[in-house]
């Protein structure tokens, strides 16, 4: 039985890596054509474009892995049933259900590896890809620096601006400090504000502001004042790290800082729970595919592949609907990314219990 286990494991891995590479290649082509206008306009070196695309591979690997897991288990068992390779198992007195259940362990391993990739490779690669796109392909000057737990940028009037956090949904900055200098770079004024909200026409409204004037040696407090030192909110949305560029811990810390300041971003919360839910889909797909093919006695690679594509599309439909419902607040944010895995997991378990020898 060990020889058969190694044989079927080899077949599964062969299908898995072939499908995974094919799906990653498709996603890379789609990414290239999505950015082709930028590449054509800026005409970056080919090696730079390739470097940018290669840095997308860890993210695409995570996206493609559940579909590859499902299709691989369907193809492995489907082909085995077609060529009656399972007769050897039955002839030796073994249980087909018990024999192929060992593949559930493979599903657990793939899920854990996917979680590892999402927490290590993806944040680092996504951050580097964004840097290459903004500074080397689009040739934009990096205007925001993250240092000492805050955002630093040059103000429109030559001042130096420090911002603790930025809440994009409401175009609001938190804990702002504006340092104004003279031509000799001597500090003239320092403006501190608890919050700044974009009111349009290149203006920000600073709330609970205090202005320290070092020339006049005065301190003046304002409940509200207008500043034109800070650039438009677009600069933050373009250059700040996105959820996919953060690990679970980093995103959790960022979300908690915003929540403590009185801002709740449902999308960030959904992304946070999604970082745990999405890797688990690999195990769910192996369980579902195993149960489906052994119940239906599906024979043949083409039929298995076709069924796998239908199941994958149906899963993405449920996933998209649940995420949309979560973003609108119709269902709890923590539940949104878990609906798909739970539905398919329950269906997989129910079919698994009905597998006949």
Protein backbone atom coordinates (compact mmCIF):
# COMPACT_ATOMS: atom_id res chain seq x y z
CA UNK A 1 0.00 0.00 0.00
CA UNK A 2 2.95 2.31 0.58
CA UNK A 3 3.93 1.94 -3.08
CA UNK A 4 0.40 2.89 -4.16
CA UNK A 5 0.34 5.83 -1.76
CA UNK A 6 3.60 7.16 -3.21
CA UNK A 7 2.28 6.61 -6.74
CA UNK A 8 -0.96 8.54 -6.19
CA UNK A 9 0.84 11.25 -4.21
CA UNK A 10 3.24 11.67 -7.13
CA UNK A 11 0.30 11.93 -9.52
CA UNK A 12 -1.43 14.49 -7.30
CA UNK A 13 1.68 16.66 -7.01
CA UNK A 14 2.29 16.43 -10.76
CA UNK A 15 -1.22 17.70 -11.49
CA UNK A 16 -1.01 20.28 -8.67
CA UNK A 17 2.18 21.99 -9.80
CA UNK A 18 1.22 21.83 -13.50
CA UNK A 19 -2.16 23.47 -12.85
CA UNK A 20 -0.67 25.94 -10.37
CA UNK A 21 1.98 27.10 -12.85
CA UNK A 22 -0.61 27.36 -15.63
CA UNK A 23 -2.94 29.49 -13.48
CA UNK A 24 -0.06 31.73 -12.33
CA UNK A 25 0.96 32.20 -15.97
CA UNK A 26 -2.61 33.23 -16.88
CA UNK A 27 -2.72 35.71 -14.00
CA UNK A 28 0.67 37.15 -15.01
CA UNK A 29 -0.57 37.69 -18.57
CA UNK A 30 -3.71 39.38 -17.22
CA UNK A 31 -1.55 41.61 -14.97
CA UNK A 32 0.66 42.53 -17.91
CA UNK A 33 -2.26 43.60 -20.09
CA UNK A 34 -3.80 45.45 -17.14
CA UNK A 35 -0.62 47.56 -16.88
CA UNK A 36 0.28 47.61 -20.58
CA UNK A 37 -0.71 51.29 -20.97
CA UNK A 38 1.75 52.25 -18.23
CA UNK A 39 4.49 50.11 -19.78
CA UNK A 40 3.87 51.57 -23.23
CA UNK A 41 3.81 55.18 -21.99
CA UNK A 42 6.97 54.96 -19.86
CA UNK A 43 8.82 52.31 -21.94
CA UNK A 44 10.71 50.78 -18.98
CA UNK A 45 13.48 48.20 -19.60
CA UNK A 46 12.21 44.68 -20.20
CA UNK A 47 14.07 43.35 -17.15
CA UNK A 48 12.25 45.88 -14.97
CA UNK A 49 8.85 44.75 -16.26
CA UNK A 50 9.84 41.12 -15.68
CA UNK A 51 11.00 41.92 -12.15
CA UNK A 52 7.68 43.62 -11.41
CA UNK A 53 5.71 40.65 -12.77
CA UNK A 54 7.82 38.08 -10.91
CA UNK A 55 7.15 39.92 -7.65
CA UNK A 56 3.43 39.30 -8.27
CA UNK A 57 3.97 35.52 -8.30
CA UNK A 58 3.61 34.92 -4.52
CA UNK A 59 0.26 36.74 -4.51
CA UNK A 60 -0.95 34.85 -7.59
CA UNK A 61 0.26 31.57 -6.06
CA UNK A 62 -2.04 32.17 -3.09
CA UNK A 63 -4.96 33.01 -5.40
CA UNK A 64 -4.46 29.96 -7.63
CA UNK A 65 -3.68 27.33 -5.00
CA UNK A 66 -7.30 26.41 -4.00
CA UNK A 67 -8.32 25.83 -7.63
CA UNK A 68 -5.16 23.78 -8.20
CA UNK A 69 -5.90 21.70 -5.08
CA UNK A 70 -9.46 20.97 -6.21
CA UNK A 71 -8.59 20.13 -9.81
CA UNK A 72 -5.64 17.97 -8.77
CA UNK A 73 -7.63 15.74 -6.42
CA UNK A 74 -10.44 15.40 -8.98
CA UNK A 75 -7.99 14.48 -11.75
CA UNK A 76 -5.92 12.10 -9.62
CA UNK A 77 -8.87 10.02 -8.43
CA UNK A 78 -10.90 10.49 -11.62
CA UNK A 79 -8.13 9.06 -13.79
CA UNK A 80 -7.51 6.24 -11.26
CA UNK A 81 -11.19 5.26 -11.44
CA UNK A 82 -11.20 5.42 -15.23
CA UNK A 83 -8.27 3.03 -15.57
CA UNK A 84 -9.57 0.88 -12.67
CA UNK A 85 -6.38 1.42 -10.67
CA UNK A 86 -8.47 1.38 -7.51
CA UNK A 87 -9.19 -2.33 -8.03
CA UNK A 88 -5.71 -3.07 -6.67
CA UNK A 89 -6.67 -1.37 -3.41
CA UNK A 90 -9.93 -3.30 -3.16
CA UNK A 91 -8.27 -6.59 -4.15
CA UNK A 92 -5.80 -6.24 -1.29
CA UNK A 93 -8.69 -5.80 1.13
CA UNK A 94 -8.16 -2.08 1.56
CA UNK A 95 -10.76 0.66 1.80
CA UNK A 96 -10.81 3.24 -1.02
CA UNK A 97 -12.29 5.81 1.35
CA UNK A 98 -9.62 5.23 3.98
CA UNK A 99 -6.82 5.06 1.39
CA UNK A 100 -7.60 8.38 -0.27
CA UNK A 101 -8.38 10.05 3.06
CA UNK A 102 -4.61 10.35 3.52
CA UNK A 103 -4.82 13.17 0.97
CA UNK A 104 -6.61 15.27 3.59
CA UNK A 105 -3.24 15.58 5.30
CA UNK A 106 -1.85 16.98 2.03
CA UNK A 107 -4.65 19.55 2.11
CA UNK A 108 -3.65 20.59 5.64
CA UNK A 109 0.00 20.93 4.59
CA UNK A 110 -0.90 23.04 1.53
CA UNK A 111 -3.09 25.29 3.72
CA UNK A 112 -0.27 25.81 6.23
CA UNK A 113 2.21 26.58 3.44
CA UNK A 114 -0.29 29.03 1.90
CA UNK A 115 -0.62 30.75 5.29
CA UNK A 116 3.18 30.97 5.55
CA UNK A 117 3.42 32.49 2.07
CA UNK A 118 0.67 35.03 2.83
CA UNK A 119 2.42 36.13 6.03
CA UNK A 120 6.00 36.32 4.73
CA UNK A 121 6.55 36.36 0.97
CA UNK A 122 3.44 38.25 -0.15
CA UNK A 123 3.83 41.38 2.05
CA UNK A 124 7.53 41.73 1.15
CA UNK A 125 7.04 41.05 -2.58
CA UNK A 126 3.97 43.31 -2.85
CA UNK A 127 5.78 46.16 -1.12
CA UNK A 128 8.77 45.82 -3.47
CA UNK A 129 6.49 45.56 -6.54
CA UNK A 130 4.70 48.79 -5.56
CA UNK A 131 8.04 50.54 -5.09
CA UNK A 132 9.27 49.41 -8.52
CA UNK A 133 6.01 50.45 -10.20
CA UNK A 134 5.87 53.90 -8.60
CA UNK A 135 9.51 54.95 -8.61
CA UNK A 136 11.15 53.05 -11.48
CA UNK A 137 8.37 52.39 -13.99
CA UNK A 138 6.07 55.38 -13.50
CA UNK A 139 9.11 57.44 -12.40
CA UNK A 140 7.28 59.07 -9.52
CA UNK A 141 9.29 60.53 -6.71
CA UNK A 142 8.58 58.80 -3.43
CA UNK A 143 6.95 61.53 -1.41
CA UNK A 144 6.01 59.70 1.77
CA UNK A 145 8.47 58.11 4.18
CA UNK A 146 7.43 55.84 7.03
CA UNK A 147 9.77 56.44 9.95
CA UNK A 148 9.53 56.29 13.73
CA UNK A 149 5.94 55.00 13.56
CA UNK A 150 4.66 57.96 11.51
CA UNK A 151 4.28 59.23 7.94
CA UNK A 152 6.63 62.02 6.88
CA UNK A 153 6.26 64.18 3.76
CA UNK A 154 7.23 67.57 2.44
CA UNK A 155 4.45 70.16 2.64
CA UNK A 156 3.33 72.24 -0.34
CA UNK A 157 4.73 75.36 1.34
CA UNK A 158 8.11 73.78 2.06
CA UNK A 159 7.18 72.67 5.57
CA UNK A 160 7.78 69.22 7.01
CA UNK A 161 4.63 67.25 7.83
CA UNK A 162 4.31 64.30 10.19
CA UNK A 163 1.09 62.24 10.30
CA UNK A 164 0.42 59.34 12.65
CA UNK A 165 -2.24 57.60 10.54
CA UNK A 166 -4.47 58.19 7.54
CA UNK A 167 -8.06 56.94 7.19
CA UNK A 168 -8.79 56.76 3.47
CA UNK A 169 -12.55 56.14 3.61
CA UNK A 170 -13.13 59.54 5.21
CA UNK A 171 -10.03 61.37 3.91
CA UNK A 172 -8.94 62.01 7.47
CA UNK A 173 -5.43 62.26 8.92
CA UNK A 174 -4.70 61.70 12.61
CA UNK A 175 -2.15 63.34 14.93
CA UNK A 176 -0.67 65.93 12.56
CA UNK A 177 2.46 67.99 13.12
CA UNK A 178 3.49 70.71 10.66
CA UNK A 179 7.00 72.17 11.03
CA UNK A 180 7.56 75.50 9.22
CA UNK A 181 11.12 76.73 8.56
CA UNK A 182 12.74 79.88 7.18
CA UNK A 183 15.32 79.96 4.37
CA UNK A 184 18.09 79.18 6.88
CA UNK A 185 16.15 76.11 8.00
CA UNK A 186 15.42 77.58 11.41
CA UNK A 187 12.14 76.43 12.92
CA UNK A 188 9.57 79.25 12.84
CA UNK A 189 6.32 77.51 13.79
CA UNK A 190 5.03 74.13 14.82
CA UNK A 191 1.39 73.28 14.36
CA UNK A 192 -0.09 70.31 16.20
CA UNK A 193 -3.59 68.97 15.51
CA UNK A 194 -5.52 65.93 16.68
CA UNK A 195 -7.21 65.46 13.32
CA UNK A 196 -7.26 66.87 9.80
CA UNK A 197 -10.13 66.38 7.37
CA UNK A 198 -9.99 67.10 3.64
CA UNK A 199 -12.56 69.76 2.70
CA UNK A 200 -11.55 70.10 -0.95
CA UNK A 201 -10.01 72.94 -2.98
CA UNK A 202 -6.52 72.03 -1.68
CA UNK A 203 -7.55 72.67 1.92
CA UNK A 204 -7.51 70.61 5.09
CA UNK A 205 -9.47 71.46 8.21
CA UNK A 206 -7.34 70.98 11.32
CA UNK A 207 -9.29 70.25 14.49
CA UNK A 208 -8.09 70.86 18.06
CA UNK A 209 -5.01 72.64 16.72
CA UNK A 210 -2.22 74.35 18.61
CA UNK A 211 0.24 76.73 16.91
CA UNK A 212 3.61 77.33 18.55
CA UNK A 213 5.13 80.52 17.09
CA UNK A 214 8.84 80.60 18.02
CA UNK A 215 9.40 84.09 16.59
CA UNK A 216 6.66 85.69 18.63
CA UNK A 217 7.07 83.16 21.44
CA UNK A 218 3.33 82.56 21.58
CA UNK A 219 1.09 79.54 21.82
CA UNK A 220 -2.36 79.76 20.24
CA UNK A 221 -5.10 77.14 20.36
CA UNK A 222 -7.81 76.72 17.70
CA UNK A 223 -10.88 74.55 17.74
CA UNK A 224 -10.65 74.55 13.95
CA UNK A 225 -8.31 76.07 11.38
CA UNK A 226 -7.57 75.67 7.66
CA UNK A 227 -4.22 74.50 6.29
CA UNK A 228 -2.95 74.28 2.71
CA UNK A 229 0.38 72.72 3.64
CA UNK A 230 -0.62 69.09 3.06
CA UNK A 231 -1.15 67.56 -0.37
CA UNK A 232 -4.44 66.05 -1.51
CA UNK A 233 -5.54 62.67 -0.04
CA UNK A 234 -4.63 60.93 -3.31
CA UNK A 235 -0.96 60.94 -2.32
CA UNK A 236 -1.75 58.76 0.70
CA UNK A 237 -3.99 56.39 -1.25
CA UNK A 238 -1.30 55.94 -3.91
CA UNK A 239 1.68 55.41 -1.64
CA UNK A 240 0.44 53.95 1.64
CA UNK A 241 0.66 50.21 2.17
CA UNK A 242 -2.39 48.21 1.14
CA UNK A 243 -3.79 45.28 3.21
CA UNK A 244 -2.12 42.73 0.89
CA UNK A 245 1.24 44.37 1.68
CA UNK A 246 0.80 43.71 5.41
CA UNK A 247 0.99 40.54 7.46
CA UNK A 248 -1.88 39.58 9.76
CA UNK A 249 -0.15 41.15 12.78
CA UNK A 250 0.67 44.38 10.91
CA UNK A 251 -2.88 44.77 9.58
CA UNK A 252 -4.35 43.95 13.00
CA UNK A 253 -2.12 46.57 14.66
CA UNK A 254 -3.04 49.17 12.03
CA UNK A 255 -6.77 48.42 12.34
CA UNK A 256 -6.61 48.67 16.15
CA UNK A 257 -4.89 52.07 15.93
CA UNK A 258 -7.67 53.37 13.69
CA UNK A 259 -10.35 51.84 15.91
CA UNK A 260 -8.80 53.42 19.00
CA UNK A 261 -8.95 56.79 17.22
CA UNK A 262 -12.67 56.27 16.58
CA UNK A 263 -12.56 54.97 12.99
CA UNK A 264 -13.81 51.56 11.92
CA UNK A 265 -12.91 50.27 8.46
CA UNK A 266 -15.02 47.22 7.65
CA UNK A 267 -12.93 46.41 4.58
CA UNK A 268 -9.75 46.18 6.66
CA UNK A 269 -11.54 43.89 9.13
CA UNK A 270 -12.73 41.63 6.29
CA UNK A 271 -9.20 41.56 4.84
CA UNK A 272 -7.88 40.70 8.30
CA UNK A 273 -10.09 37.63 8.71
CA UNK A 274 -9.56 36.78 5.04
CA UNK A 275 -5.84 36.34 5.72
CA UNK A 276 -6.79 33.33 7.86
CA UNK A 277 -9.76 32.11 5.83
CA UNK A 278 -8.24 32.03 2.34
CA UNK A 279 -5.34 29.62 3.06
CA UNK A 280 -7.83 27.25 4.74
CA UNK A 281 -9.71 26.98 1.43
CA UNK A 282 -7.00 24.61 0.15
CA UNK A 283 -7.91 21.96 2.71
CA UNK A 284 -11.63 22.54 2.12
CA UNK A 285 -11.18 22.06 -1.64
CA UNK A 286 -9.24 18.81 -1.16
CA UNK A 287 -11.97 17.51 1.17
CA UNK A 288 -14.77 18.63 -1.16
CA UNK A 289 -13.08 17.26 -4.29
CA UNK A 290 -12.25 13.94 -2.65
CA UNK A 291 -15.81 13.48 -1.40
CA UNK A 292 -17.34 14.57 -4.70
CA UNK A 293 -15.31 12.28 -6.95
CA UNK A 294 -15.67 9.20 -4.73
CA UNK A 295 -19.43 9.70 -4.42
CA UNK A 296 -19.99 10.26 -8.12
CA UNK A 297 -17.42 7.68 -9.24
CA UNK A 298 -16.45 10.27 -11.83
CA UNK A 299 -14.24 8.74 -14.50
CA UNK A 300 -11.89 10.54 -16.84
CA UNK A 301 -9.68 13.60 -16.75
CA UNK A 302 -11.81 15.83 -18.96
CA UNK A 303 -14.98 15.31 -16.93
CA UNK A 304 -13.04 15.86 -13.68
CA UNK A 305 -11.46 19.05 -14.99
CA UNK A 306 -14.82 20.36 -16.21
CA UNK A 307 -16.47 19.63 -12.88
CA UNK A 308 -13.57 21.29 -11.08
CA UNK A 309 -13.98 24.48 -13.09
CA UNK A 310 -17.72 24.56 -12.36
CA UNK A 311 -17.11 24.08 -8.62
CA UNK A 312 -14.39 26.79 -8.63
CA UNK A 313 -16.69 29.28 -10.35
CA UNK A 314 -19.49 28.47 -7.91
CA UNK A 315 -17.12 28.99 -4.98
CA UNK A 316 -16.01 32.39 -6.32
CA UNK A 317 -19.64 33.37 -6.76
CA UNK A 318 -20.39 32.61 -3.09
CA UNK A 319 -17.15 34.29 -2.02
CA UNK A 320 -17.87 37.47 -4.01
CA UNK A 321 -21.44 37.72 -2.67
CA UNK A 322 -20.36 37.17 0.94
CA UNK A 323 -17.58 39.78 0.71
CA UNK A 324 -20.02 42.28 -0.82
CA UNK A 325 -22.51 41.61 1.98
CA UNK A 326 -19.73 42.07 4.51
CA UNK A 327 -18.64 45.39 2.99
CA UNK A 328 -22.20 46.71 3.16
CA UNK A 329 -22.59 45.60 6.78
CA UNK A 330 -25.38 43.11 5.98
CA UNK A 331 -23.40 40.34 7.68
CA UNK A 332 -20.63 40.54 10.32
CA UNK A 333 -17.19 41.36 8.90
CA UNK A 334 -15.60 38.30 10.56
CA UNK A 335 -18.14 36.00 8.90
CA UNK A 336 -17.85 37.31 5.32
CA UNK A 337 -14.59 35.57 4.29
CA UNK A 338 -15.54 32.36 6.11
CA UNK A 339 -18.93 31.70 4.46
CA UNK A 340 -17.39 30.04 1.37
CA UNK A 341 -15.04 27.71 3.31
CA UNK A 342 -17.77 26.81 5.83
CA UNK A 343 -20.41 26.06 3.15
CA UNK A 344 -18.05 23.93 1.08
CA UNK A 345 -16.57 22.35 4.22
CA UNK A 346 -20.00 21.25 5.49
CA UNK A 347 -20.96 19.98 2.02
CA UNK A 348 -17.65 18.12 1.78
CA UNK A 349 -18.11 16.51 5.21
CA UNK A 350 -21.69 15.46 4.38
CA UNK A 351 -20.58 13.83 1.11
CA UNK A 352 -17.56 12.25 2.81
CA UNK A 353 -19.82 10.45 5.30
CA UNK A 354 -21.85 9.04 2.38
CA UNK A 355 -18.92 7.57 0.47
CA UNK A 356 -19.69 3.92 -0.35
CA UNK A 357 -17.06 1.23 -0.70
